[in-house]
Amino acid sequence: MTEITHHIPDALMAAYTTGSLREPYALVVATHLSMCLECRASYEAHQALGGAVLETTCEADVSEALKSDVMALLDAPVADEPVHKRSGVYPGPIMAALKGRAPKWKSLGLGVRQCILSGNAEGSVRLLYIPPGQAVPDHGHNGLEMTLVLQGSFSDETGWFGVGDVELADQELEHTPIADAGPPCICLAATDAPLRFNSFMPRLLQPIFRI
């Protein structure tokens, strides 16, 4: 694996640690943490800081009813979740989202494929398969797009992104990502709003492809 140079920003790491990060982005962060020792250390530091804050927080009285509800939740049986391991280029968190199965790819044209892992009011997260040398149509963003490279690499107006790298694209960025030569570029991408394509045909197909 090439050296990872694009990491999770501190604000997003803090939100992930507290459990307040939206689900699509949380999957990207969890997957990146499984690949990046530097960000894993940052995550553990945020956890330690959160524990220190709790230890210094003043106690507060709660009602007997609330206390009873909390204790009931603690006593409730917990279903064992299956542990998913890496399979090929897909780390454990992605395999969990895939429920242990291989991705079901759907063509977007020109060799580009996608596999939508989830989509709801919080946003969507998908796998993208881009053949070497192929460009994603020029587009902007109505929200935040978070892209993690799993295989291959791509380049755009902001630089080069290899395996393990994360690109953040907001409303200010318009770009045309192009997969580099070599193996196909496979990415995990999360968004909280539809992309803003500049060409007519991508805009026409956008509702069908849910991008």
N, C-alpha and C. Protein backbone atom coordinates (compact mmCIF):
# COMPACT_ATOMS: atom_id res chain seq x y z
N MET A 1 0.84 -1.19 0.00
CA MET A 1 0.00 0.00 0.00
C MET A 1 0.88 1.25 0.00
N THR A 2 0.51 2.25 -0.79
CA THR A 2 1.24 3.50 -0.81
C THR A 2 1.01 4.24 0.50
N GLU A 3 1.90 5.18 0.80
CA GLU A 3 1.75 5.97 2.02
C GLU A 3 0.49 6.84 1.94
N ILE A 4 -0.28 6.83 3.00
CA ILE A 4 -1.51 7.63 3.05
C ILE A 4 -1.15 9.06 3.41
N THR A 5 -1.59 10.01 2.58
CA THR A 5 -1.24 11.41 2.82
C THR A 5 -2.46 12.30 3.04
N HIS A 6 -3.65 11.80 2.73
CA HIS A 6 -4.88 12.58 2.92
C HIS A 6 -5.72 11.87 3.99
N HIS A 7 -5.88 12.53 5.14
CA HIS A 7 -6.46 11.90 6.31
C HIS A 7 -7.83 12.51 6.68
N ILE A 8 -8.41 11.98 7.76
CA ILE A 8 -9.69 12.48 8.26
C ILE A 8 -9.45 13.77 9.04
N PRO A 9 -10.12 14.87 8.70
CA PRO A 9 -9.95 16.12 9.46
C PRO A 9 -10.39 15.95 10.92
N ASP A 10 -9.80 16.77 11.78
CA ASP A 10 -10.04 16.63 13.22
C ASP A 10 -11.51 16.79 13.58
N ALA A 11 -12.20 17.73 12.94
CA ALA A 11 -13.62 17.96 13.28
C ALA A 11 -14.47 16.74 12.97
N LEU A 12 -14.21 16.10 11.84
CA LEU A 12 -14.97 14.90 11.48
C LEU A 12 -14.60 13.73 12.40
N MET A 13 -13.33 13.66 12.79
CA MET A 13 -12.92 12.60 13.71
C MET A 13 -13.61 12.77 15.06
N ALA A 14 -13.72 14.02 15.53
CA ALA A 14 -14.40 14.27 16.80
C ALA A 14 -15.87 13.88 16.71
N ALA A 15 -16.52 14.21 15.60
CA ALA A 15 -17.93 13.86 15.43
C ALA A 15 -18.11 12.35 15.37
N TYR A 16 -17.19 11.66 14.70
CA TYR A 16 -17.27 10.20 14.63
C TYR A 16 -17.10 9.59 16.02
N THR A 17 -16.18 10.12 16.81
CA THR A 17 -15.91 9.58 18.14
C THR A 17 -17.12 9.73 19.05
N THR A 18 -17.84 10.84 18.94
CA THR A 18 -19.00 11.07 19.80
C THR A 18 -20.26 10.40 19.25
N GLY A 19 -20.18 9.82 18.07
CA GLY A 19 -21.35 9.16 17.49
C GLY A 19 -22.32 10.10 16.81
N SER A 20 -21.90 11.34 16.56
CA SER A 20 -22.79 12.33 15.96
C SER A 20 -22.59 12.49 14.45
N LEU A 21 -21.62 11.76 13.87
CA LEU A 21 -21.36 11.87 12.44
C LEU A 21 -22.42 11.08 11.67
N ARG A 22 -22.91 11.67 10.60
CA ARG A 22 -23.94 11.01 9.80
C ARG A 22 -23.46 9.64 9.32
N GLU A 23 -24.42 8.73 9.21
CA GLU A 23 -24.11 7.32 8.91
C GLU A 23 -23.26 7.12 7.66
N PRO A 24 -23.57 7.78 6.53
CA PRO A 24 -22.74 7.54 5.33
C PRO A 24 -21.28 7.91 5.56
N TYR A 25 -21.05 9.07 6.20
CA TYR A 25 -19.68 9.48 6.47
C TYR A 25 -19.02 8.59 7.51
N ALA A 26 -19.79 8.12 8.47
CA ALA A 26 -19.24 7.26 9.51
C ALA A 26 -18.67 5.97 8.91
N LEU A 27 -19.32 5.45 7.86
CA LEU A 27 -18.79 4.26 7.21
C LEU A 27 -17.45 4.55 6.55
N VAL A 28 -17.33 5.72 5.92
CA VAL A 28 -16.06 6.08 5.29
C VAL A 28 -14.97 6.22 6.35
N VAL A 29 -15.28 6.87 7.47
CA VAL A 29 -14.29 7.04 8.52
C VAL A 29 -13.89 5.69 9.10
N ALA A 30 -14.86 4.83 9.39
CA ALA A 30 -14.55 3.51 9.95
C ALA A 30 -13.66 2.72 9.01
N THR A 31 -13.92 2.81 7.71
CA THR A 31 -13.11 2.09 6.74
C THR A 31 -11.71 2.66 6.68
N HIS A 32 -11.60 3.98 6.69
CA HIS A 32 -10.28 4.62 6.69
C HIS A 32 -9.49 4.24 7.93
N LEU A 33 -10.15 4.19 9.08
CA LEU A 33 -9.46 3.82 10.33
C LEU A 33 -8.89 2.41 10.25
N SER A 34 -9.58 1.53 9.51
CA SER A 34 -9.08 0.16 9.37
C SER A 34 -7.84 0.09 8.48
N MET A 35 -7.54 1.20 7.77
CA MET A 35 -6.43 1.22 6.83
C MET A 35 -5.29 2.14 7.27
N CYS A 36 -5.53 3.02 8.23
CA CYS A 36 -4.60 4.11 8.54
C CYS A 36 -4.21 4.12 10.02
N LEU A 37 -2.97 3.80 10.32
CA LEU A 37 -2.50 3.79 11.71
C LEU A 37 -2.50 5.19 12.31
N GLU A 38 -2.17 6.20 11.51
CA GLU A 38 -2.12 7.57 12.01
C GLU A 38 -3.49 8.04 12.49
N CYS A 39 -4.52 7.79 11.70
CA CYS A 39 -5.86 8.23 12.09
C CYS A 39 -6.43 7.35 13.20
N ARG A 40 -5.99 6.09 13.27
CA ARG A 40 -6.42 5.24 14.38
C ARG A 40 -5.90 5.79 15.70
N ALA A 41 -4.66 6.28 15.68
CA ALA A 41 -4.09 6.89 16.89
C ALA A 41 -4.86 8.16 17.25
N SER A 42 -5.24 8.94 16.25
CA SER A 42 -6.02 10.15 16.49
C SER A 42 -7.37 9.80 17.10
N TYR A 43 -8.01 8.76 16.58
CA TYR A 43 -9.30 8.31 17.11
C TYR A 43 -9.18 7.89 18.57
N GLU A 44 -8.14 7.15 18.90
CA GLU A 44 -7.94 6.72 20.28
C GLU A 44 -7.68 7.91 21.19
N ALA A 45 -6.99 8.94 20.67
CA ALA A 45 -6.76 10.15 21.46
C ALA A 45 -8.08 10.87 21.73
N HIS A 46 -8.95 10.93 20.73
CA HIS A 46 -10.27 11.55 20.93
C HIS A 46 -11.08 10.76 21.96
N GLN A 47 -11.00 9.44 21.91
CA GLN A 47 -11.71 8.63 22.89
C GLN A 47 -11.21 8.90 24.31
N ALA A 48 -9.89 8.99 24.45
CA ALA A 48 -9.31 9.26 25.76
C ALA A 48 -9.74 10.63 26.27
N LEU A 49 -9.78 11.61 25.37
CA LEU A 49 -10.21 12.96 25.76
C LEU A 49 -11.66 12.95 26.21
N GLY A 50 -12.50 12.22 25.49
CA GLY A 50 -13.90 12.12 25.88
C GLY A 50 -14.07 11.48 27.24
N GLY A 51 -13.26 10.46 27.53
CA GLY A 51 -13.33 9.83 28.84
C GLY A 51 -12.90 10.77 29.95
N ALA A 52 -11.88 11.58 29.67
CA ALA A 52 -11.42 12.55 30.67
C ALA A 52 -12.49 13.60 30.95
N VAL A 53 -13.20 14.02 29.90
CA VAL A 53 -14.26 15.01 30.09
C VAL A 53 -15.38 14.43 30.95
N LEU A 54 -15.74 13.16 30.71
CA LEU A 54 -16.79 12.53 31.50
C LEU A 54 -16.40 12.44 32.97
N GLU A 55 -15.14 12.18 33.23
CA GLU A 55 -14.70 12.04 34.61
C GLU A 55 -14.77 13.35 35.38
N THR A 56 -14.69 14.46 34.65
CA THR A 56 -14.72 15.76 35.32
C THR A 56 -16.10 16.40 35.30
N THR A 57 -17.08 15.71 34.71
CA THR A 57 -18.43 16.25 34.63
C THR A 57 -19.14 16.11 35.97
N CYS A 58 -19.85 17.14 36.36
CA CYS A 58 -20.57 17.11 37.63
C CYS A 58 -21.72 16.10 37.56
N GLU A 59 -21.97 15.45 38.68
CA GLU A 59 -23.08 14.51 38.75
C GLU A 59 -24.40 15.26 38.73
N ALA A 60 -25.41 14.59 38.19
CA ALA A 60 -26.75 15.19 38.14
C ALA A 60 -27.77 14.16 38.58
N ASP A 61 -28.72 14.58 39.38
CA ASP A 61 -29.77 13.68 39.83
C ASP A 61 -30.71 13.35 38.68
N VAL A 62 -31.16 12.10 38.65
CA VAL A 62 -32.13 11.68 37.63
C VAL A 62 -33.31 11.05 38.35
N SER A 63 -34.43 11.03 37.66
CA SER A 63 -35.63 10.46 38.25
C SER A 63 -35.50 8.94 38.38
N GLU A 64 -36.27 8.38 39.27
CA GLU A 64 -36.26 6.92 39.44
C GLU A 64 -36.74 6.22 38.17
N ALA A 65 -37.70 6.85 37.49
CA ALA A 65 -38.21 6.24 36.25
C ALA A 65 -37.11 6.18 35.20
N LEU A 66 -36.34 7.27 35.04
CA LEU A 66 -35.25 7.28 34.06
C LEU A 66 -34.19 6.27 34.44
N LYS A 67 -33.85 6.23 35.73
CA LYS A 67 -32.85 5.27 36.18
C LYS A 67 -33.30 3.84 35.91
N SER A 68 -34.57 3.56 36.14
CA SER A 68 -35.11 2.23 35.89
C SER A 68 -35.05 1.88 34.41
N ASP A 69 -35.36 2.85 33.55
CA ASP A 69 -35.32 2.60 32.10
C ASP A 69 -33.89 2.30 31.64
N VAL A 70 -32.92 3.06 32.16
CA VAL A 70 -31.53 2.85 31.78
C VAL A 70 -31.06 1.47 32.23
N MET A 71 -31.38 1.09 33.46
CA MET A 71 -30.97 -0.22 33.97
C MET A 71 -31.61 -1.35 33.17
N ALA A 72 -32.85 -1.15 32.73
CA ALA A 72 -33.53 -2.16 31.91
C ALA A 72 -32.82 -2.33 30.58
N LEU A 73 -32.37 -1.22 30.00
CA LEU A 73 -31.64 -1.30 28.74
C LEU A 73 -30.32 -2.03 28.92
N LEU A 74 -29.65 -1.78 30.04
CA LEU A 74 -28.37 -2.45 30.31
C LEU A 74 -28.56 -3.95 30.50
N ASP A 75 -29.70 -4.34 31.05
CA ASP A 75 -29.96 -5.76 31.30
C ASP A 75 -30.52 -6.50 30.09
N ALA A 76 -30.93 -5.74 29.07
CA ALA A 76 -31.53 -6.37 27.89
C ALA A 76 -30.50 -7.20 27.15
N PRO A 77 -30.89 -8.35 26.60
CA PRO A 77 -29.93 -9.19 25.85
C PRO A 77 -29.45 -8.47 24.59
N VAL A 78 -28.20 -8.67 24.27
CA VAL A 78 -27.60 -8.05 23.10
C VAL A 78 -27.33 -9.12 22.05
N ALA A 79 -27.86 -8.91 20.86
CA ALA A 79 -27.65 -9.88 19.78
C ALA A 79 -26.20 -9.80 19.29
N ASP A 80 -25.61 -10.96 19.08
CA ASP A 80 -24.24 -11.01 18.57
C ASP A 80 -24.22 -10.60 17.11
N GLU A 81 -23.42 -9.57 16.80
CA GLU A 81 -23.28 -9.14 15.42
C GLU A 81 -22.16 -9.94 14.76
N PRO A 82 -22.37 -10.40 13.53
CA PRO A 82 -21.29 -11.13 12.86
C PRO A 82 -20.08 -10.23 12.63
N VAL A 83 -18.90 -10.81 12.79
CA VAL A 83 -17.66 -10.07 12.57
C VAL A 83 -17.22 -10.30 11.12
N HIS A 84 -17.11 -9.22 10.37
CA HIS A 84 -16.74 -9.33 8.96
C HIS A 84 -15.28 -8.93 8.79
N LYS A 85 -14.53 -9.76 8.10
CA LYS A 85 -13.12 -9.50 7.84
C LYS A 85 -12.95 -8.96 6.42
N ARG A 86 -11.77 -8.39 6.20
CA ARG A 86 -11.45 -7.89 4.86
C ARG A 86 -11.60 -9.00 3.83
N SER A 87 -12.12 -8.64 2.67
CA SER A 87 -12.21 -9.56 1.54
C SER A 87 -11.69 -8.82 0.30
N GLY A 88 -10.54 -9.21 -0.18
CA GLY A 88 -9.94 -8.53 -1.32
C GLY A 88 -9.60 -7.09 -0.96
N VAL A 89 -10.11 -6.14 -1.74
CA VAL A 89 -9.82 -4.72 -1.49
C VAL A 89 -10.82 -4.11 -0.51
N TYR A 90 -11.79 -4.91 -0.03
CA TYR A 90 -12.86 -4.36 0.80
C TYR A 90 -12.60 -4.65 2.28
N PRO A 91 -12.28 -3.61 3.07
CA PRO A 91 -12.06 -3.80 4.50
C PRO A 91 -13.33 -4.25 5.23
N GLY A 92 -13.16 -4.66 6.48
CA GLY A 92 -14.26 -5.19 7.27
C GLY A 92 -15.51 -4.32 7.32
N PRO A 93 -15.40 -3.00 7.56
CA PRO A 93 -16.61 -2.18 7.63
C PRO A 93 -17.43 -2.22 6.34
N ILE A 94 -16.77 -2.30 5.19
CA ILE A 94 -17.50 -2.39 3.92
C ILE A 94 -18.15 -3.76 3.79
N MET A 95 -17.42 -4.81 4.18
CA MET A 95 -18.00 -6.15 4.11
C MET A 95 -19.21 -6.26 5.03
N ALA A 96 -19.19 -5.55 6.16
CA ALA A 96 -20.36 -5.53 7.04
C ALA A 96 -21.54 -4.86 6.34
N ALA A 97 -21.26 -3.74 5.64
CA ALA A 97 -22.33 -3.05 4.90
C ALA A 97 -22.85 -3.91 3.76
N LEU A 98 -21.98 -4.74 3.19
CA LEU A 98 -22.38 -5.65 2.11
C LEU A 98 -22.99 -6.94 2.65
N LYS A 99 -23.03 -7.07 3.99
CA LYS A 99 -23.54 -8.28 4.65
C LYS A 99 -22.77 -9.52 4.21
N GLY A 100 -21.46 -9.32 4.01
CA GLY A 100 -20.59 -10.43 3.69
C GLY A 100 -20.62 -10.89 2.25
N ARG A 101 -21.39 -10.21 1.42
CA ARG A 101 -21.52 -10.63 0.02
C ARG A 101 -20.66 -9.74 -0.89
N ALA A 102 -20.45 -10.19 -2.11
CA ALA A 102 -19.72 -9.39 -3.10
C ALA A 102 -20.59 -8.22 -3.56
N PRO A 103 -19.98 -7.11 -3.99
CA PRO A 103 -20.78 -5.98 -4.49
C PRO A 103 -21.61 -6.35 -5.70
N LYS A 104 -22.83 -5.79 -5.77
CA LYS A 104 -23.68 -5.95 -6.94
C LYS A 104 -23.55 -4.68 -7.78
N TRP A 105 -22.71 -4.75 -8.80
CA TRP A 105 -22.41 -3.57 -9.60
C TRP A 105 -23.52 -3.28 -10.60
N LYS A 106 -23.77 -1.97 -10.81
CA LYS A 106 -24.68 -1.52 -11.87
C LYS A 106 -23.94 -0.52 -12.73
N SER A 107 -24.08 -0.67 -14.03
CA SER A 107 -23.34 0.17 -14.97
C SER A 107 -23.87 1.60 -14.98
N LEU A 108 -22.92 2.55 -15.02
CA LEU A 108 -23.25 3.96 -15.21
C LEU A 108 -22.83 4.43 -16.60
N GLY A 109 -22.27 3.52 -17.40
CA GLY A 109 -21.80 3.88 -18.74
C GLY A 109 -20.31 4.11 -18.79
N LEU A 110 -19.70 3.86 -19.97
CA LEU A 110 -18.28 4.07 -20.21
C LEU A 110 -17.41 3.25 -19.26
N GLY A 111 -17.94 2.11 -18.82
CA GLY A 111 -17.16 1.22 -17.96
C GLY A 111 -17.26 1.54 -16.48
N VAL A 112 -17.85 2.68 -16.14
CA VAL A 112 -18.00 3.07 -14.73
C VAL A 112 -19.18 2.31 -14.13
N ARG A 113 -18.98 1.81 -12.91
CA ARG A 113 -20.03 1.06 -12.23
C ARG A 113 -20.19 1.57 -10.80
N GLN A 114 -21.35 1.30 -10.21
CA GLN A 114 -21.56 1.66 -8.82
C GLN A 114 -22.34 0.56 -8.10
N CYS A 115 -22.17 0.53 -6.79
CA CYS A 115 -22.94 -0.36 -5.92
C CYS A 115 -23.37 0.48 -4.72
N ILE A 116 -24.66 0.81 -4.65
CA ILE A 116 -25.17 1.64 -3.55
C ILE A 116 -25.30 0.79 -2.30
N LEU A 117 -24.62 1.20 -1.24
CA LEU A 117 -24.65 0.46 0.02
C LEU A 117 -25.80 0.90 0.90
N SER A 118 -26.11 2.20 0.90
CA SER A 118 -27.26 2.69 1.66
C SER A 118 -27.63 4.07 1.16
N GLY A 119 -28.90 4.41 1.37
CA GLY A 119 -29.37 5.74 1.01
C GLY A 119 -30.60 6.09 1.82
N ASN A 120 -30.54 7.21 2.53
CA ASN A 120 -31.68 7.65 3.33
C ASN A 120 -31.62 9.16 3.49
N ALA A 121 -32.36 9.68 4.45
CA ALA A 121 -32.42 11.14 4.63
C ALA A 121 -31.07 11.72 5.04
N GLU A 122 -30.20 10.89 5.62
CA GLU A 122 -28.89 11.38 6.05
C GLU A 122 -27.91 11.47 4.89
N GLY A 123 -28.22 10.80 3.78
CA GLY A 123 -27.31 10.80 2.64
C GLY A 123 -27.18 9.42 2.07
N SER A 124 -26.18 9.23 1.21
CA SER A 124 -25.97 7.93 0.59
C SER A 124 -24.49 7.60 0.58
N VAL A 125 -24.21 6.29 0.51
CA VAL A 125 -22.82 5.83 0.41
C VAL A 125 -22.78 4.70 -0.60
N ARG A 126 -21.77 4.70 -1.46
CA ARG A 126 -21.71 3.76 -2.56
C ARG A 126 -20.27 3.40 -2.87
N LEU A 127 -20.11 2.26 -3.52
CA LEU A 127 -18.83 1.89 -4.11
C LEU A 127 -18.84 2.33 -5.56
N LEU A 128 -17.71 2.84 -6.03
CA LEU A 128 -17.56 3.25 -7.42
C LEU A 128 -16.39 2.50 -8.04
N TYR A 129 -16.59 2.02 -9.25
CA TYR A 129 -15.56 1.32 -10.01
C TYR A 129 -15.30 2.13 -11.28
N ILE A 130 -14.07 2.63 -11.43
CA ILE A 130 -13.75 3.51 -12.55
C ILE A 130 -12.56 2.93 -13.31
N PRO A 131 -12.71 2.57 -14.58
CA PRO A 131 -11.60 2.00 -15.36
C PRO A 131 -10.44 2.99 -15.48
N PRO A 132 -9.23 2.49 -15.65
CA PRO A 132 -8.07 3.38 -15.78
C PRO A 132 -8.23 4.33 -16.96
N GLY A 133 -7.92 5.59 -16.71
CA GLY A 133 -8.01 6.61 -17.75
C GLY A 133 -9.39 7.21 -17.91
N GLN A 134 -10.40 6.65 -17.25
CA GLN A 134 -11.77 7.15 -17.39
C GLN A 134 -12.01 8.30 -16.41
N ALA A 135 -12.72 9.31 -16.87
CA ALA A 135 -13.03 10.47 -16.03
C ALA A 135 -14.47 10.40 -15.53
N VAL A 136 -14.68 10.86 -14.31
CA VAL A 136 -16.03 11.11 -13.80
C VAL A 136 -16.46 12.46 -14.34
N PRO A 137 -17.69 12.60 -14.86
CA PRO A 137 -18.10 13.88 -15.44
C PRO A 137 -17.87 15.06 -14.50
N ASP A 138 -17.47 16.17 -15.07
CA ASP A 138 -17.21 17.41 -14.32
C ASP A 138 -18.43 17.76 -13.47
N HIS A 139 -18.20 18.01 -12.18
CA HIS A 139 -19.34 18.28 -11.29
C HIS A 139 -18.92 19.11 -10.10
N GLY A 140 -19.93 19.76 -9.50
CA GLY A 140 -19.78 20.45 -8.23
C GLY A 140 -20.60 19.71 -7.19
N HIS A 141 -20.83 20.36 -6.04
CA HIS A 141 -21.46 19.68 -4.92
C HIS A 141 -22.49 20.58 -4.24
N ASN A 142 -23.60 19.98 -3.87
CA ASN A 142 -24.61 20.69 -3.10
C ASN A 142 -24.43 20.47 -1.59
N GLY A 143 -23.50 19.64 -1.24
CA GLY A 143 -23.19 19.36 0.16
C GLY A 143 -21.76 18.90 0.26
N LEU A 144 -21.50 17.89 1.09
CA LEU A 144 -20.15 17.36 1.27
C LEU A 144 -20.04 15.99 0.63
N GLU A 145 -19.02 15.80 -0.18
CA GLU A 145 -18.71 14.49 -0.74
C GLU A 145 -17.40 14.02 -0.12
N MET A 146 -17.41 12.79 0.37
CA MET A 146 -16.24 12.20 1.05
C MET A 146 -15.89 10.92 0.30
N THR A 147 -14.68 10.84 -0.26
CA THR A 147 -14.29 9.73 -1.11
C THR A 147 -13.02 9.08 -0.59
N LEU A 148 -13.06 7.76 -0.39
CA LEU A 148 -11.92 6.98 0.09
C LEU A 148 -11.49 6.00 -1.00
N VAL A 149 -10.22 6.00 -1.34
CA VAL A 149 -9.70 5.11 -2.38
C VAL A 149 -9.38 3.74 -1.77
N LEU A 150 -9.92 2.68 -2.39
CA LEU A 150 -9.69 1.31 -1.94
C LEU A 150 -8.71 0.57 -2.85
N GLN A 151 -8.69 0.93 -4.11
CA GLN A 151 -7.80 0.30 -5.09
C GLN A 151 -7.47 1.32 -6.17
N GLY A 152 -6.26 1.23 -6.72
CA GLY A 152 -5.87 2.16 -7.78
C GLY A 152 -5.67 3.57 -7.24
N SER A 153 -5.93 4.54 -8.08
CA SER A 153 -5.75 5.95 -7.68
C SER A 153 -6.49 6.84 -8.68
N PHE A 154 -6.69 8.10 -8.29
CA PHE A 154 -7.26 9.08 -9.21
C PHE A 154 -6.63 10.44 -8.96
N SER A 155 -6.77 11.30 -9.94
CA SER A 155 -6.26 12.67 -9.83
C SER A 155 -7.36 13.64 -10.24
N ASP A 156 -7.32 14.83 -9.64
CA ASP A 156 -8.23 15.89 -10.05
C ASP A 156 -7.56 17.23 -9.80
N GLU A 157 -8.34 18.28 -9.82
CA GLU A 157 -7.78 19.63 -9.69
C GLU A 157 -7.08 19.86 -8.36
N THR A 158 -7.38 19.05 -7.36
CA THR A 158 -6.79 19.27 -6.03
C THR A 158 -5.55 18.42 -5.77
N GLY A 159 -5.29 17.41 -6.62
CA GLY A 159 -4.11 16.59 -6.39
C GLY A 159 -4.31 15.13 -6.74
N TRP A 160 -3.47 14.28 -6.12
CA TRP A 160 -3.45 12.84 -6.40
C TRP A 160 -3.89 12.08 -5.16
N PHE A 161 -4.70 11.04 -5.35
CA PHE A 161 -5.24 10.27 -4.24
C PHE A 161 -5.02 8.78 -4.50
N GLY A 162 -4.28 8.14 -3.60
CA GLY A 162 -4.00 6.72 -3.71
C GLY A 162 -4.75 5.93 -2.66
N VAL A 163 -4.43 4.65 -2.54
CA VAL A 163 -5.13 3.75 -1.63
C VAL A 163 -5.04 4.27 -0.19
N GLY A 164 -6.20 4.39 0.44
CA GLY A 164 -6.27 4.87 1.82
C GLY A 164 -6.50 6.36 1.94
N ASP A 165 -6.27 7.10 0.86
CA ASP A 165 -6.46 8.55 0.90
C ASP A 165 -7.95 8.91 0.89
N VAL A 166 -8.26 10.03 1.54
CA VAL A 166 -9.63 10.54 1.60
C VAL A 166 -9.67 11.93 0.97
N GLU A 167 -10.58 12.14 0.04
CA GLU A 167 -10.80 13.48 -0.51
C GLU A 167 -12.12 14.03 0.02
N LEU A 168 -12.08 15.28 0.48
CA LEU A 168 -13.29 15.99 0.89
C LEU A 168 -13.59 17.06 -0.14
N ALA A 169 -14.81 17.07 -0.65
CA ALA A 169 -15.22 18.04 -1.66
C ALA A 169 -16.50 18.72 -1.19
N ASP A 170 -16.46 20.05 -1.09
CA ASP A 170 -17.64 20.79 -0.63
C ASP A 170 -18.20 21.65 -1.76
N GLN A 171 -19.10 22.58 -1.39
CA GLN A 171 -19.80 23.38 -2.40
C GLN A 171 -18.86 24.27 -3.21
N GLU A 172 -17.67 24.52 -2.72
CA GLU A 172 -16.75 25.42 -3.41
C GLU A 172 -15.92 24.71 -4.49
N LEU A 173 -15.95 23.38 -4.48
CA LEU A 173 -15.08 22.64 -5.40
C LEU A 173 -15.86 22.11 -6.59
N GLU A 174 -15.35 22.40 -7.79
CA GLU A 174 -15.80 21.74 -9.01
C GLU A 174 -14.60 20.98 -9.55
N HIS A 175 -14.79 19.70 -9.87
CA HIS A 175 -13.64 18.91 -10.29
C HIS A 175 -14.05 17.81 -11.27
N THR A 176 -13.02 17.24 -11.91
CA THR A 176 -13.20 16.14 -12.85
C THR A 176 -12.21 15.04 -12.47
N PRO A 177 -12.58 14.17 -11.54
CA PRO A 177 -11.67 13.09 -11.15
C PRO A 177 -11.41 12.14 -12.32
N ILE A 178 -10.14 11.75 -12.49
CA ILE A 178 -9.75 10.84 -13.56
C ILE A 178 -8.96 9.69 -12.95
N ALA A 179 -9.39 8.46 -13.22
CA ALA A 179 -8.67 7.29 -12.74
C ALA A 179 -7.32 7.19 -13.43
N ASP A 180 -6.27 6.94 -12.66
CA ASP A 180 -4.93 6.84 -13.22
C ASP A 180 -4.73 5.51 -13.92
N ALA A 181 -3.62 5.41 -14.67
CA ALA A 181 -3.25 4.16 -15.31
C ALA A 181 -2.97 3.11 -14.23
N GLY A 182 -3.16 1.84 -14.60
CA GLY A 182 -2.96 0.77 -13.65
C GLY A 182 -4.27 0.05 -13.37
N PRO A 183 -4.44 -0.47 -12.16
CA PRO A 183 -5.69 -1.18 -11.86
C PRO A 183 -6.87 -0.22 -11.82
N PRO A 184 -8.08 -0.72 -12.07
CA PRO A 184 -9.26 0.15 -11.96
C PRO A 184 -9.31 0.81 -10.59
N CYS A 185 -9.81 2.04 -10.55
CA CYS A 185 -9.93 2.77 -9.30
C CYS A 185 -11.26 2.38 -8.65
N ILE A 186 -11.19 1.83 -7.45
CA ILE A 186 -12.39 1.50 -6.68
C ILE A 186 -12.42 2.40 -5.45
N CYS A 187 -13.52 3.11 -5.28
CA CYS A 187 -13.65 4.09 -4.20
C CYS A 187 -14.91 3.84 -3.39
N LEU A 188 -14.89 4.32 -2.16
CA LEU A 188 -16.08 4.39 -1.32
C LEU A 188 -16.43 5.87 -1.21
N ALA A 189 -17.63 6.24 -1.63
CA ALA A 189 -18.02 7.66 -1.68
C ALA A 189 -19.31 7.90 -0.91
N ALA A 190 -19.30 8.92 -0.07
CA ALA A 190 -20.49 9.29 0.71
C ALA A 190 -20.86 10.73 0.41
N THR A 191 -22.17 10.99 0.27
CA THR A 191 -22.67 12.34 0.03
C THR A 191 -23.92 12.58 0.87
N ASP A 192 -24.20 13.86 1.14
CA ASP A 192 -25.43 14.20 1.86
C ASP A 192 -26.38 15.00 0.99
N ALA A 193 -26.04 15.14 -0.30
CA ALA A 193 -26.90 15.86 -1.25
C ALA A 193 -26.50 15.45 -2.65
N PRO A 194 -27.40 15.56 -3.63
CA PRO A 194 -27.05 15.20 -5.00
C PRO A 194 -25.89 16.03 -5.54
N LEU A 195 -25.09 15.43 -6.42
CA LEU A 195 -24.02 16.16 -7.07
C LEU A 195 -24.60 17.19 -8.04
N ARG A 196 -23.77 18.13 -8.44
CA ARG A 196 -24.21 19.20 -9.35
C ARG A 196 -23.41 19.07 -10.65
N PHE A 197 -23.96 18.31 -11.61
CA PHE A 197 -23.26 18.06 -12.87
C PHE A 197 -23.40 19.26 -13.80
N ASN A 198 -22.33 19.49 -14.56
CA ASN A 198 -22.33 20.63 -15.48
C ASN A 198 -22.81 20.27 -16.88
N SER A 199 -22.78 18.99 -17.23
CA SER A 199 -23.19 18.56 -18.57
C SER A 199 -24.63 18.07 -18.56
N PHE A 200 -25.28 18.18 -19.71
CA PHE A 200 -26.71 17.84 -19.80
C PHE A 200 -26.98 16.36 -19.54
N MET A 201 -26.22 15.47 -20.19
CA MET A 201 -26.52 14.04 -20.10
C MET A 201 -26.40 13.51 -18.67
N PRO A 202 -25.32 13.82 -17.92
CA PRO A 202 -25.29 13.37 -16.53
C PRO A 202 -26.45 13.90 -15.70
N ARG A 203 -26.87 15.15 -15.96
CA ARG A 203 -28.01 15.71 -15.22
C ARG A 203 -29.29 14.95 -15.56
N LEU A 204 -29.43 14.55 -16.84
CA LEU A 204 -30.62 13.84 -17.29
C LEU A 204 -30.72 12.47 -16.59
N LEU A 205 -29.56 11.79 -16.46
CA LEU A 205 -29.53 10.44 -15.91
C LEU A 205 -29.44 10.41 -14.38
N GLN A 206 -29.20 11.57 -13.79
CA GLN A 206 -28.95 11.64 -12.35
C GLN A 206 -30.05 11.00 -11.49
N PRO A 207 -31.33 11.26 -11.76
CA PRO A 207 -32.37 10.64 -10.93
C PRO A 207 -32.39 9.11 -11.03
N ILE A 208 -32.02 8.59 -12.20
CA ILE A 208 -32.02 7.14 -12.40
C ILE A 208 -30.88 6.50 -11.62
N PHE A 209 -29.71 7.14 -11.67
CA PHE A 209 -28.52 6.58 -11.03
C PHE A 209 -28.42 6.95 -9.55
N ARG A 210 -29.29 7.90 -9.11
CA ARG A 210 -29.33 8.30 -7.68
C ARG A 210 -27.99 8.84 -7.20
N ILE A 211 -27.42 9.76 -7.98
CA ILE A 211 -26.14 10.35 -7.61
C ILE A 211 -26.26 11.87 -7.51
